[in-house]
């Protein structure tokens, strides 16, 4: 037969309350440490060029969020199947983020191959906001670009 023995908790064994107090104090201490944004040299003054593939509601919202992330970004190219949807999205984004939209008419791409043209337009990054069924087709070329 197996014998069951009782063990008393040691007084120095941490409990949940002590763990939370210690963890909170460590988190506050860590948050006060500031790291330099530039270690050597001067900061890069070039604007980050963003391209969007898919200009519906999801794309328009993502564009506004991306342009809110930093003042050194700009909307550079857009691709959409529907010209009306692209123009509507571009107008909305331009109103909300004036000065951050630099989409030349030559970088407004319409059609099923618009994603390829956005990738070839000189963007630094691309955000895919098409319906999920199209993303596998767009994802691999975006990673390889």
N, C-alpha and C. Protein backbone atom coordinates (compact mmCIF):
# COMPACT_ATOMS: atom_id res chain seq x y z
N UNK A 1 0.80 -1.17 0.00
CA UNK A 1 0.00 0.00 0.00
C UNK A 1 0.86 1.26 0.00
N UNK A 2 0.40 2.29 -0.71
CA UNK A 2 1.11 3.55 -0.78
C UNK A 2 0.71 4.42 0.39
N UNK A 3 1.69 5.00 0.98
CA UNK A 3 1.44 5.87 2.11
C UNK A 3 1.38 7.32 1.67
N UNK A 4 0.40 8.03 2.10
CA UNK A 4 0.26 9.44 1.79
C UNK A 4 0.75 10.23 2.99
N UNK A 5 1.67 11.13 2.72
CA UNK A 5 2.18 11.95 3.81
C UNK A 5 1.80 13.41 3.55
N UNK A 6 1.57 14.11 4.61
CA UNK A 6 1.23 15.53 4.50
C UNK A 6 2.51 16.35 4.60
N UNK A 7 2.59 17.35 3.73
CA UNK A 7 3.72 18.27 3.75
C UNK A 7 3.20 19.66 4.08
N UNK A 8 3.85 20.30 4.99
CA UNK A 8 3.48 21.66 5.31
C UNK A 8 4.23 22.61 4.38
N UNK A 9 3.54 23.69 3.96
CA UNK A 9 4.20 24.69 3.12
C UNK A 9 5.22 25.45 3.95
N UNK A 10 6.33 25.69 3.35
CA UNK A 10 7.34 26.50 4.02
C UNK A 10 6.89 27.95 3.97
N UNK A 11 7.29 28.70 4.96
CA UNK A 11 6.89 30.11 5.01
C UNK A 11 7.53 30.92 3.90
N UNK A 12 8.68 30.49 3.37
CA UNK A 12 9.33 31.27 2.32
C UNK A 12 8.88 30.86 0.92
N UNK A 13 7.93 29.94 0.81
CA UNK A 13 7.41 29.56 -0.50
C UNK A 13 6.51 30.68 -1.02
N UNK A 14 6.80 31.21 -2.22
CA UNK A 14 5.98 32.32 -2.72
C UNK A 14 4.56 31.88 -3.03
N UNK A 15 3.62 32.74 -2.72
CA UNK A 15 2.24 32.47 -3.09
C UNK A 15 1.86 33.37 -4.26
N UNK A 16 0.66 33.23 -4.73
CA UNK A 16 0.20 33.98 -5.90
C UNK A 16 0.25 35.49 -5.66
N UNK A 17 -0.15 35.93 -4.49
CA UNK A 17 -0.17 37.37 -4.20
C UNK A 17 1.25 37.95 -4.22
N UNK A 18 2.20 37.24 -3.65
CA UNK A 18 3.58 37.70 -3.66
C UNK A 18 4.14 37.72 -5.09
N UNK A 19 3.78 36.72 -5.86
CA UNK A 19 4.24 36.64 -7.25
C UNK A 19 3.75 37.84 -8.05
N UNK A 20 2.47 38.19 -7.88
CA UNK A 20 1.90 39.33 -8.61
C UNK A 20 2.56 40.63 -8.19
N UNK A 21 2.79 40.80 -6.88
CA UNK A 21 3.45 42.02 -6.41
C UNK A 21 4.86 42.14 -6.99
N UNK A 22 5.61 41.05 -6.94
CA UNK A 22 6.98 41.07 -7.44
C UNK A 22 6.99 41.29 -8.95
N UNK A 23 6.10 40.59 -9.67
CA UNK A 23 6.03 40.74 -11.12
C UNK A 23 5.64 42.14 -11.54
N UNK A 24 4.70 42.75 -10.81
CA UNK A 24 4.28 44.12 -11.11
C UNK A 24 5.41 45.10 -10.90
N UNK A 25 6.14 44.93 -9.81
CA UNK A 25 7.27 45.82 -9.54
C UNK A 25 8.33 45.69 -10.62
N UNK A 26 8.59 44.48 -11.06
CA UNK A 26 9.58 44.26 -12.12
C UNK A 26 9.12 44.89 -13.43
N UNK A 27 7.83 44.79 -13.74
CA UNK A 27 7.31 45.38 -14.98
C UNK A 27 7.42 46.90 -14.95
N UNK A 28 7.12 47.51 -13.82
CA UNK A 28 7.23 48.97 -13.69
C UNK A 28 8.69 49.38 -13.84
N UNK A 29 9.59 48.65 -13.21
CA UNK A 29 11.01 48.98 -13.31
C UNK A 29 11.50 48.85 -14.75
N UNK A 30 11.07 47.81 -15.44
CA UNK A 30 11.50 47.60 -16.82
C UNK A 30 10.95 48.68 -17.75
N UNK A 31 9.77 49.18 -17.45
CA UNK A 31 9.17 50.19 -18.33
C UNK A 31 9.85 51.54 -18.22
N UNK A 32 10.63 51.76 -17.18
CA UNK A 32 11.31 53.04 -17.04
C UNK A 32 12.63 53.09 -17.80
N UNK A 33 13.07 51.95 -18.29
CA UNK A 33 14.31 51.91 -19.06
C UNK A 33 14.02 52.41 -20.46
N UNK A 34 14.76 53.40 -20.91
CA UNK A 34 14.55 53.89 -22.27
C UNK A 34 15.72 53.47 -23.15
N UNK A 35 15.39 53.07 -24.35
CA UNK A 35 16.41 52.66 -25.31
C UNK A 35 16.52 53.72 -26.39
N UNK A 36 17.71 53.99 -26.88
CA UNK A 36 17.84 54.98 -27.94
C UNK A 36 17.24 54.46 -29.24
N UNK A 37 16.63 55.37 -30.01
CA UNK A 37 16.04 54.95 -31.29
C UNK A 37 17.10 54.82 -32.36
N UNK A 38 18.19 55.55 -32.24
CA UNK A 38 19.29 55.46 -33.19
C UNK A 38 20.56 55.25 -32.39
N UNK A 39 21.27 54.18 -32.69
CA UNK A 39 22.48 53.90 -31.95
C UNK A 39 23.67 54.63 -32.56
N UNK A 40 23.86 54.49 -33.86
CA UNK A 40 24.97 55.13 -34.55
C UNK A 40 24.44 55.86 -35.77
N UNK A 41 25.05 56.98 -36.09
CA UNK A 41 24.66 57.71 -37.29
C UNK A 41 23.43 58.55 -37.06
N UNK A 42 22.93 59.09 -38.15
CA UNK A 42 21.74 59.92 -38.04
C UNK A 42 20.52 59.11 -38.47
N UNK A 43 19.34 59.49 -38.01
CA UNK A 43 18.14 58.74 -38.36
C UNK A 43 17.84 58.84 -39.85
N UNK A 44 17.23 57.81 -40.36
CA UNK A 44 16.85 57.76 -41.77
C UNK A 44 15.68 58.72 -41.99
N UNK A 45 15.84 59.65 -42.90
CA UNK A 45 14.79 60.65 -43.13
C UNK A 45 13.87 60.27 -44.29
N UNK A 46 14.15 59.16 -44.96
CA UNK A 46 13.27 58.75 -46.06
C UNK A 46 11.94 58.27 -45.52
N UNK A 47 10.90 58.55 -46.26
CA UNK A 47 9.57 58.09 -45.86
C UNK A 47 9.41 56.62 -46.25
N UNK A 48 8.74 55.88 -45.40
CA UNK A 48 8.43 54.49 -45.66
C UNK A 48 7.22 54.44 -46.58
N UNK A 49 7.37 53.83 -47.75
CA UNK A 49 6.31 53.79 -48.76
C UNK A 49 5.45 52.55 -48.55
N UNK A 50 4.16 52.79 -48.32
CA UNK A 50 3.22 51.70 -48.05
C UNK A 50 2.33 51.48 -49.26
N UNK A 51 2.11 50.22 -49.60
CA UNK A 51 1.18 49.85 -50.65
C UNK A 51 0.05 49.03 -50.07
N UNK A 52 -1.15 49.23 -50.60
CA UNK A 52 -2.32 48.47 -50.15
C UNK A 52 -2.88 47.67 -51.29
N UNK A 53 -3.18 46.44 -50.99
CA UNK A 53 -3.85 45.56 -51.95
C UNK A 53 -5.18 45.21 -51.33
N UNK A 54 -6.24 45.76 -51.91
CA UNK A 54 -7.58 45.62 -51.37
C UNK A 54 -8.00 46.92 -50.71
N UNK A 55 -8.97 47.60 -51.28
CA UNK A 55 -9.31 48.96 -50.82
C UNK A 55 -10.74 49.07 -50.31
N UNK A 56 -11.30 48.00 -49.82
CA UNK A 56 -12.64 48.07 -49.24
C UNK A 56 -12.56 48.67 -47.84
N UNK A 57 -13.54 48.38 -47.03
CA UNK A 57 -13.57 48.90 -45.67
C UNK A 57 -12.38 48.45 -44.84
N UNK A 58 -12.00 47.18 -44.97
CA UNK A 58 -10.86 46.65 -44.23
C UNK A 58 -9.58 47.37 -44.66
N UNK A 59 -9.41 47.58 -45.96
CA UNK A 59 -8.22 48.25 -46.47
C UNK A 59 -8.14 49.70 -46.07
N UNK A 60 -9.27 50.39 -46.13
CA UNK A 60 -9.31 51.81 -45.76
C UNK A 60 -8.98 51.97 -44.28
N UNK A 61 -9.55 51.12 -43.44
CA UNK A 61 -9.24 51.17 -42.01
C UNK A 61 -7.79 50.85 -41.72
N UNK A 62 -7.25 49.84 -42.40
CA UNK A 62 -5.85 49.47 -42.20
C UNK A 62 -4.92 50.58 -42.67
N UNK A 63 -5.29 51.26 -43.75
CA UNK A 63 -4.47 52.37 -44.25
C UNK A 63 -4.43 53.50 -43.23
N UNK A 64 -5.57 53.84 -42.69
CA UNK A 64 -5.61 54.90 -41.67
C UNK A 64 -4.78 54.53 -40.45
N UNK A 65 -4.84 53.27 -40.03
CA UNK A 65 -4.05 52.83 -38.88
C UNK A 65 -2.56 52.86 -39.19
N UNK A 66 -2.18 52.39 -40.38
CA UNK A 66 -0.76 52.37 -40.75
C UNK A 66 -0.20 53.78 -40.83
N UNK A 67 -0.98 54.71 -41.36
CA UNK A 67 -0.52 56.09 -41.47
C UNK A 67 -0.50 56.79 -40.11
N UNK A 68 -1.21 56.26 -39.14
CA UNK A 68 -1.19 56.81 -37.79
C UNK A 68 -0.01 56.30 -36.97
N UNK A 69 0.65 55.25 -37.46
CA UNK A 69 1.72 54.62 -36.70
C UNK A 69 2.96 55.49 -36.58
N UNK A 70 3.23 56.30 -37.60
CA UNK A 70 4.45 57.10 -37.58
C UNK A 70 4.29 58.25 -38.56
N UNK A 71 4.95 59.35 -38.29
CA UNK A 71 4.84 60.50 -39.20
C UNK A 71 5.72 60.35 -40.43
N UNK A 72 6.59 59.35 -40.44
CA UNK A 72 7.53 59.17 -41.54
C UNK A 72 7.08 58.06 -42.50
N UNK A 73 5.78 57.92 -42.69
CA UNK A 73 5.24 56.95 -43.64
C UNK A 73 4.34 57.68 -44.63
N UNK A 74 4.16 57.06 -45.79
CA UNK A 74 3.25 57.62 -46.77
C UNK A 74 2.58 56.51 -47.56
N UNK A 75 1.35 56.76 -47.93
CA UNK A 75 0.62 55.84 -48.79
C UNK A 75 1.14 56.07 -50.20
N UNK A 76 1.70 55.04 -50.82
CA UNK A 76 2.40 55.17 -52.08
C UNK A 76 1.65 54.56 -53.26
N UNK A 77 1.03 53.40 -53.05
CA UNK A 77 0.35 52.71 -54.15
C UNK A 77 -0.85 51.95 -53.61
N UNK A 78 -1.86 51.79 -54.50
CA UNK A 78 -3.07 51.06 -54.12
C UNK A 78 -3.49 50.15 -55.27
N UNK A 79 -4.00 48.98 -54.92
CA UNK A 79 -4.49 48.05 -55.93
C UNK A 79 -5.84 47.50 -55.51
N UNK A 80 -6.77 47.44 -56.47
CA UNK A 80 -8.13 47.01 -56.19
C UNK A 80 -8.77 46.52 -57.49
N UNK A 81 -9.70 45.61 -57.37
CA UNK A 81 -10.44 45.12 -58.54
C UNK A 81 -11.39 46.20 -59.05
N UNK A 82 -11.99 46.95 -58.14
CA UNK A 82 -13.00 47.95 -58.48
C UNK A 82 -12.40 49.36 -58.44
N UNK A 83 -12.48 50.07 -59.55
CA UNK A 83 -11.95 51.44 -59.61
C UNK A 83 -12.72 52.36 -58.67
N UNK A 84 -14.04 52.20 -58.62
CA UNK A 84 -14.85 53.05 -57.75
C UNK A 84 -14.47 52.85 -56.28
N UNK A 85 -14.25 51.61 -55.89
CA UNK A 85 -13.87 51.33 -54.50
C UNK A 85 -12.49 51.93 -54.19
N UNK A 86 -11.55 51.82 -55.11
CA UNK A 86 -10.22 52.39 -54.90
C UNK A 86 -10.31 53.90 -54.74
N UNK A 87 -11.03 54.56 -55.64
CA UNK A 87 -11.14 56.02 -55.58
C UNK A 87 -11.85 56.48 -54.30
N UNK A 88 -12.87 55.77 -53.90
CA UNK A 88 -13.59 56.10 -52.66
C UNK A 88 -12.65 55.97 -51.45
N UNK A 89 -11.90 54.88 -51.42
CA UNK A 89 -10.95 54.67 -50.32
C UNK A 89 -9.88 55.75 -50.31
N UNK A 90 -9.33 56.06 -51.47
CA UNK A 90 -8.29 57.08 -51.57
C UNK A 90 -8.80 58.45 -51.11
N UNK A 91 -10.02 58.79 -51.49
CA UNK A 91 -10.61 60.07 -51.05
C UNK A 91 -10.78 60.11 -49.54
N UNK A 92 -11.27 59.01 -48.96
CA UNK A 92 -11.47 58.96 -47.50
C UNK A 92 -10.15 59.07 -46.75
N UNK A 93 -9.14 58.34 -47.22
CA UNK A 93 -7.84 58.36 -46.54
C UNK A 93 -7.20 59.74 -46.68
N UNK A 94 -7.32 60.34 -47.86
CA UNK A 94 -6.73 61.67 -48.10
C UNK A 94 -7.34 62.72 -47.17
N UNK A 95 -8.63 62.60 -46.88
CA UNK A 95 -9.29 63.54 -45.96
C UNK A 95 -8.81 63.35 -44.53
N UNK A 96 -8.63 62.09 -44.13
CA UNK A 96 -8.24 61.81 -42.74
C UNK A 96 -6.76 62.00 -42.49
N UNK A 97 -5.94 61.78 -43.51
CA UNK A 97 -4.48 61.86 -43.35
C UNK A 97 -3.86 62.76 -44.42
N UNK A 98 -4.23 64.04 -44.45
CA UNK A 98 -3.66 64.92 -45.46
C UNK A 98 -2.14 65.02 -45.30
N UNK A 99 -1.45 65.07 -46.41
CA UNK A 99 0.00 65.17 -46.37
C UNK A 99 0.71 63.83 -46.25
N UNK A 100 -0.04 62.76 -46.03
CA UNK A 100 0.57 61.44 -45.90
C UNK A 100 0.21 60.53 -47.07
N UNK A 101 -0.52 61.08 -48.02
CA UNK A 101 -0.96 60.30 -49.18
C UNK A 101 -0.24 60.83 -50.41
N UNK A 102 0.50 59.94 -51.07
CA UNK A 102 1.27 60.30 -52.25
C UNK A 102 1.01 59.27 -53.35
N UNK A 103 -0.26 59.03 -53.64
CA UNK A 103 -0.63 58.03 -54.64
C UNK A 103 -0.83 58.75 -55.97
N UNK A 104 0.18 58.69 -56.80
CA UNK A 104 0.11 59.24 -58.15
C UNK A 104 -0.90 58.41 -58.95
N UNK A 105 -1.61 59.01 -59.90
CA UNK A 105 -2.55 58.23 -60.72
C UNK A 105 -1.89 57.02 -61.39
N UNK A 106 -0.59 57.09 -61.64
CA UNK A 106 0.13 55.96 -62.24
C UNK A 106 0.31 54.81 -61.25
N UNK A 107 0.08 55.08 -59.95
CA UNK A 107 0.22 54.03 -58.93
C UNK A 107 -1.12 53.62 -58.35
N UNK A 108 -2.18 53.87 -59.10
CA UNK A 108 -3.52 53.37 -58.77
C UNK A 108 -3.79 52.22 -59.74
N UNK A 109 -3.78 51.01 -59.22
CA UNK A 109 -3.86 49.83 -60.08
C UNK A 109 -5.21 49.14 -59.93
N UNK A 110 -5.84 48.88 -61.07
CA UNK A 110 -7.17 48.28 -61.11
C UNK A 110 -7.09 46.93 -61.82
N UNK A 111 -7.79 45.94 -61.28
CA UNK A 111 -7.88 44.63 -61.94
C UNK A 111 -7.34 43.51 -61.08
N UNK A 112 -7.47 42.30 -61.60
CA UNK A 112 -7.03 41.12 -60.85
C UNK A 112 -5.51 41.04 -60.74
N UNK A 113 -4.78 41.74 -61.61
CA UNK A 113 -3.32 41.74 -61.53
C UNK A 113 -2.79 42.98 -60.78
N UNK A 114 -3.67 43.73 -60.16
CA UNK A 114 -3.26 44.95 -59.46
C UNK A 114 -2.24 44.66 -58.36
N UNK A 115 -2.36 43.51 -57.71
CA UNK A 115 -1.42 43.18 -56.63
C UNK A 115 0.01 43.13 -57.15
N UNK A 116 0.22 42.60 -58.37
CA UNK A 116 1.56 42.52 -58.94
C UNK A 116 2.12 43.91 -59.21
N UNK A 117 1.26 44.79 -59.70
CA UNK A 117 1.69 46.14 -60.03
C UNK A 117 2.02 46.95 -58.77
N UNK A 118 1.27 46.73 -57.70
CA UNK A 118 1.59 47.40 -56.43
C UNK A 118 2.96 46.95 -55.95
N UNK A 119 3.23 45.65 -56.03
CA UNK A 119 4.51 45.11 -55.57
C UNK A 119 5.68 45.65 -56.39
N UNK A 120 5.45 45.98 -57.65
CA UNK A 120 6.50 46.47 -58.54
C UNK A 120 6.62 48.00 -58.52
N UNK A 121 5.82 48.69 -57.72
CA UNK A 121 5.75 50.15 -57.77
C UNK A 121 6.79 50.87 -56.90
N UNK A 122 7.63 50.13 -56.22
CA UNK A 122 8.63 50.76 -55.36
C UNK A 122 8.22 50.89 -53.90
N UNK A 123 7.23 50.12 -53.47
CA UNK A 123 6.81 50.16 -52.07
C UNK A 123 7.85 49.50 -51.18
N UNK A 124 7.90 49.94 -49.94
CA UNK A 124 8.78 49.33 -48.94
C UNK A 124 8.07 48.20 -48.21
N UNK A 125 6.76 48.32 -48.09
CA UNK A 125 5.96 47.26 -47.49
C UNK A 125 4.58 47.28 -48.09
N UNK A 126 3.92 46.15 -48.00
CA UNK A 126 2.58 46.03 -48.56
C UNK A 126 1.67 45.43 -47.50
N UNK A 127 0.45 45.92 -47.48
CA UNK A 127 -0.55 45.38 -46.55
C UNK A 127 -1.65 44.75 -47.38
N UNK A 128 -1.89 43.46 -47.12
CA UNK A 128 -2.90 42.71 -47.86
C UNK A 128 -4.23 42.79 -47.12
N UNK A 129 -5.21 43.39 -47.74
CA UNK A 129 -6.52 43.54 -47.11
C UNK A 129 -7.63 43.05 -48.02
N UNK A 130 -7.29 42.11 -48.88
CA UNK A 130 -8.29 41.51 -49.76
C UNK A 130 -9.07 40.46 -48.98
N UNK A 131 -10.17 39.97 -49.54
CA UNK A 131 -10.87 38.86 -48.89
C UNK A 131 -9.93 37.65 -48.75
N UNK A 132 -10.11 36.84 -47.72
CA UNK A 132 -9.20 35.73 -47.44
C UNK A 132 -8.96 34.78 -48.60
N UNK A 133 -9.92 34.60 -49.48
CA UNK A 133 -9.74 33.68 -50.60
C UNK A 133 -8.65 34.09 -51.56
N UNK A 134 -8.34 35.38 -51.63
CA UNK A 134 -7.31 35.87 -52.54
C UNK A 134 -5.93 35.91 -51.91
N UNK A 135 -5.83 35.87 -50.62
CA UNK A 135 -4.55 36.08 -49.95
C UNK A 135 -3.48 35.05 -50.30
N UNK A 136 -3.80 33.77 -50.43
CA UNK A 136 -2.73 32.84 -50.82
C UNK A 136 -2.07 33.23 -52.14
N UNK A 137 -2.86 33.73 -53.08
CA UNK A 137 -2.32 34.16 -54.37
C UNK A 137 -1.41 35.38 -54.20
N UNK A 138 -1.72 36.26 -53.28
CA UNK A 138 -0.97 37.50 -53.08
C UNK A 138 0.19 37.35 -52.11
N UNK A 139 0.07 36.44 -51.17
CA UNK A 139 1.03 36.35 -50.07
C UNK A 139 2.44 35.99 -50.54
N UNK A 140 2.58 34.94 -51.32
CA UNK A 140 3.91 34.49 -51.75
C UNK A 140 4.64 35.57 -52.56
N UNK A 141 4.00 36.18 -53.57
CA UNK A 141 4.70 37.25 -54.30
C UNK A 141 5.06 38.44 -53.40
N UNK A 142 4.22 38.73 -52.41
CA UNK A 142 4.52 39.84 -51.50
C UNK A 142 5.77 39.54 -50.67
N UNK A 143 5.90 38.32 -50.21
CA UNK A 143 7.08 37.94 -49.42
C UNK A 143 8.33 37.96 -50.29
N UNK A 144 8.20 37.51 -51.53
CA UNK A 144 9.35 37.44 -52.43
C UNK A 144 9.75 38.80 -53.00
N UNK A 145 8.88 39.78 -52.93
CA UNK A 145 9.18 41.10 -53.53
C UNK A 145 10.23 41.86 -52.75
